[in-house]
Amino acid sequence: IKDHRIDALNRTGFVWNVLEHAWDLNFSGLESYYAEHGNFDVPKKHSAKLNTFVSNLRKAMRRKKDGLFQKELNEERVSRLNSIGFIWDMKHPARQRSVGEHVQFDYLYDLLADFKETYGHVQVSKMMPIWRSGDEPPPRQEYKRLPFFVSSVRSEHELFVEGKSCALNEEKVLKLTEITS
């Protein structure tokens, strides 16, 4: 293709690499979702396409950690995702069970305790509309992660009460009971 034709195509916004363009659009959508909701766990009902994108990212990272080549997850993309604080392996924070993931529960619990100290309650979902409106941003951006954590903990607590297998143990339930009373 001659240079003047390339220039003309570029001026029209011609997409030379469709796959790269699609990834960039998904990344932008993920940034927007995070800005609005404070987490990266996009429900299918919100956007099946973005939900699949997140799922594929996490799956690709697991494979990459296992030593498998993942061309769609190059270092530039990993860097871009890390720059927005993407959570690679946190799908359901209360359900995570390994030692490293136990630390995640403790971190989110401490964050919830800090939230209670700041606001005097643990009703995190009541604050989300205020934060989204921009009238009163959260004192800590991490607070935006709490609604999903609280929801997960509630679901796990139901399993705990029913005597079913869950990520909560008596120690965690006691800690959560103390913070909510």
Protein backbone atom coordinates (compact mmCIF):
# COMPACT_ATOMS: atom_id res chain seq x y z
CA ILE A 1 0.00 0.00 0.00
CA LYS A 2 1.30 3.41 -0.88
CA ASP A 3 2.06 5.92 1.89
CA HIS A 4 -0.69 8.36 0.90
CA ARG A 5 -3.27 5.56 1.12
CA ILE A 6 -1.97 4.48 4.53
CA ASP A 7 -2.21 8.10 5.69
CA ALA A 8 -5.77 8.36 4.35
CA LEU A 9 -6.78 5.15 6.14
CA ASN A 10 -5.14 6.34 9.37
CA ARG A 11 -7.08 9.62 9.18
CA THR A 12 -10.35 7.68 8.99
CA GLY A 13 -9.45 5.73 12.13
CA PHE A 14 -8.81 2.50 10.26
CA VAL A 15 -8.02 -0.37 12.66
CA TRP A 16 -4.91 -2.20 11.51
CA ASN A 17 -4.88 -4.83 14.25
CA VAL A 18 -8.41 -5.91 15.10
CA LEU A 19 -7.39 -8.16 18.01
CA GLU A 20 -5.28 -5.44 19.64
CA HIS A 21 -8.12 -2.95 19.16
CA ALA A 22 -10.64 -5.35 20.75
CA TRP A 23 -8.30 -5.89 23.72
CA ASP A 24 -7.91 -2.11 24.15
CA LEU A 25 -11.69 -1.62 24.08
CA ASN A 26 -12.14 -4.34 26.71
CA PHE A 27 -9.40 -2.80 28.85
CA SER A 28 -11.10 0.61 28.65
CA GLY A 29 -14.41 -1.01 29.59
CA LEU A 30 -12.74 -2.70 32.56
CA GLU A 31 -11.23 0.62 33.70
CA SER A 32 -14.67 2.24 33.53
CA TYR A 33 -16.31 -0.64 35.37
CA TYR A 34 -13.71 -0.44 38.14
CA ALA A 35 -14.11 3.33 38.44
CA GLU A 36 -17.87 2.89 38.91
CA HIS A 37 -18.03 -0.30 41.00
CA GLY A 38 -14.66 -0.49 42.78
CA ASN A 39 -13.94 -4.08 41.77
CA PHE A 40 -13.07 -6.17 38.73
CA ASP A 41 -15.65 -8.92 39.13
CA VAL A 42 -17.98 -8.00 36.30
CA PRO A 43 -21.27 -9.91 36.46
CA LYS A 44 -22.49 -11.47 33.22
CA LYS A 45 -25.75 -9.55 33.51
CA HIS A 46 -23.76 -6.30 33.43
CA SER A 47 -21.64 -7.30 30.43
CA ALA A 48 -21.12 -10.88 29.28
CA LYS A 49 -18.29 -9.70 27.03
CA LEU A 50 -16.43 -7.93 29.84
CA ASN A 51 -17.09 -10.83 32.22
CA THR A 52 -15.48 -13.20 29.71
CA PHE A 53 -12.56 -10.80 29.21
CA VAL A 54 -11.83 -10.78 32.97
CA SER A 55 -12.23 -14.54 33.22
CA ASN A 56 -9.86 -15.08 30.29
CA LEU A 57 -7.29 -12.70 31.81
CA ARG A 58 -7.27 -14.60 35.09
CA LYS A 59 -7.12 -17.95 33.31
CA ALA A 60 -4.24 -16.75 31.13
CA MET A 61 -2.31 -15.56 34.19
CA ARG A 62 -2.79 -18.93 35.93
CA ARG A 63 -1.46 -20.65 32.81
CA LYS A 64 1.41 -18.17 32.57
CA LYS A 65 2.33 -18.89 36.21
CA ASP A 66 2.28 -22.59 35.36
CA GLY A 67 4.90 -21.89 32.69
CA LEU A 68 2.61 -22.05 29.68
CA PHE A 69 3.10 -19.49 26.94
CA GLN A 70 0.27 -16.97 26.78
CA LYS A 71 0.74 -14.67 23.80
CA GLU A 72 -2.44 -12.71 24.56
CA LEU A 73 -1.02 -11.78 27.99
CA ASN A 74 2.27 -10.09 27.16
CA GLU A 75 4.29 -8.00 29.61
CA GLU A 76 2.84 -4.71 28.33
CA ARG A 77 -0.70 -5.92 28.98
CA VAL A 78 0.21 -7.28 32.41
CA SER A 79 1.80 -3.92 33.21
CA ARG A 80 -1.30 -2.01 32.06
CA LEU A 81 -3.57 -4.23 34.13
CA ASN A 82 -1.31 -3.93 37.17
CA SER A 83 -1.30 -0.14 36.77
CA ILE A 84 -5.07 -0.05 37.43
CA GLY A 85 -4.77 -2.45 40.37
CA PHE A 86 -6.27 -5.45 38.60
CA ILE A 87 -6.85 -8.37 40.99
CA TRP A 88 -5.56 -11.46 39.20
CA ASP A 89 -6.93 -14.18 41.43
CA MET A 90 -9.63 -12.66 43.60
CA LYS A 91 -12.97 -13.90 42.33
CA HIS A 92 -14.67 -14.57 45.67
CA PRO A 93 -12.59 -13.15 48.54
CA ALA A 94 -14.37 -14.93 51.39
CA ARG A 95 -14.15 -18.30 49.65
CA GLN A 96 -10.40 -18.24 49.05
CA ARG A 97 -8.67 -20.89 51.13
CA SER A 98 -4.90 -21.03 50.63
CA VAL A 99 -2.50 -19.39 53.08
CA GLY A 100 -1.85 -16.47 50.73
CA GLU A 101 -5.56 -16.03 50.22
CA HIS A 102 -6.10 -16.11 54.01
CA VAL A 103 -4.02 -12.96 54.06
CA GLN A 104 -6.51 -11.49 51.56
CA PHE A 105 -9.38 -12.18 53.98
CA ASP A 106 -7.44 -10.56 56.81
CA TYR A 107 -6.66 -7.53 54.66
CA LEU A 108 -10.30 -7.05 53.68
CA TYR A 109 -11.45 -7.63 57.25
CA ASP A 110 -9.01 -4.95 58.46
CA LEU A 111 -10.27 -2.67 55.71
CA LEU A 112 -13.85 -3.27 56.90
CA ALA A 113 -12.79 -2.48 60.48
CA ASP A 114 -11.21 0.76 59.25
CA PHE A 115 -14.41 1.56 57.34
CA LYS A 116 -16.45 1.03 60.53
CA GLU A 117 -14.11 3.30 62.46
CA THR A 118 -14.50 5.99 59.79
CA TYR A 119 -18.28 5.76 59.26
CA GLY A 120 -19.54 4.13 62.49
CA HIS A 121 -21.22 1.23 60.65
CA VAL A 122 -20.46 -1.60 58.22
CA GLN A 123 -23.25 -0.92 55.73
CA VAL A 124 -20.84 -0.43 52.86
CA SER A 125 -23.49 -0.61 50.13
CA LYS A 126 -25.14 2.55 51.51
CA MET A 127 -21.99 4.51 50.70
CA MET A 128 -21.57 3.33 47.10
CA PRO A 129 -24.17 5.73 45.58
CA ILE A 130 -22.57 8.64 47.41
CA TRP A 131 -19.10 7.67 46.20
CA ARG A 132 -20.30 7.11 42.62
CA SER A 133 -21.94 10.52 42.52
CA GLY A 134 -18.59 12.11 43.27
CA ASP A 135 -20.10 14.33 45.97
CA GLU A 136 -18.09 12.60 48.68
CA PRO A 137 -15.27 10.33 47.47
CA PRO A 138 -14.22 7.55 49.83
CA PRO A 139 -11.32 8.44 52.13
CA ARG A 140 -9.62 5.25 50.87
CA GLN A 141 -10.17 3.94 47.33
CA GLU A 142 -9.87 0.39 48.69
CA TYR A 143 -13.25 0.86 50.38
CA LYS A 144 -14.81 0.30 46.95
CA ARG A 145 -13.74 -3.36 47.25
CA LEU A 146 -15.78 -3.91 50.39
CA PRO A 147 -19.33 -4.41 48.99
CA PHE A 148 -18.26 -7.56 47.16
CA PHE A 149 -16.36 -8.80 50.23
CA VAL A 150 -19.37 -8.22 52.51
CA SER A 151 -21.68 -9.96 50.04
CA SER A 152 -19.32 -12.94 49.79
CA VAL A 153 -19.00 -13.16 53.56
CA ARG A 154 -22.79 -13.18 53.95
CA SER A 155 -23.11 -16.04 51.47
CA GLU A 156 -20.34 -17.99 53.19
CA HIS A 157 -21.93 -17.34 56.60
CA GLU A 158 -25.17 -18.96 55.42
CA LEU A 159 -23.17 -22.06 54.47
CA PHE A 160 -21.37 -21.97 57.82
CA VAL A 161 -24.65 -21.79 59.77
CA GLU A 162 -26.04 -24.72 57.74
CA GLY A 163 -22.91 -26.75 58.57
CA LYS A 164 -21.85 -26.91 54.93
CA SER A 165 -18.33 -26.59 53.58
CA CYS A 166 -17.30 -22.95 53.38
CA ALA A 167 -14.33 -20.61 53.67
CA LEU A 168 -15.33 -19.34 57.11
CA ASN A 169 -14.23 -20.94 60.34
CA GLU A 170 -15.24 -20.18 63.92
CA GLU A 171 -12.42 -17.66 64.34
CA LYS A 172 -13.48 -15.67 61.26
CA VAL A 173 -17.16 -15.81 62.24
CA LEU A 174 -16.28 -14.51 65.71
CA LYS A 175 -14.25 -11.65 64.25
CA LEU A 176 -17.07 -10.75 61.86
CA THR A 177 -19.68 -10.96 64.62
CA GLU A 178 -17.64 -8.58 66.79
CA ILE A 179 -17.25 -6.00 64.02
CA THR A 180 -20.94 -6.00 63.13
CA SER A 181 -22.22 -5.59 66.68
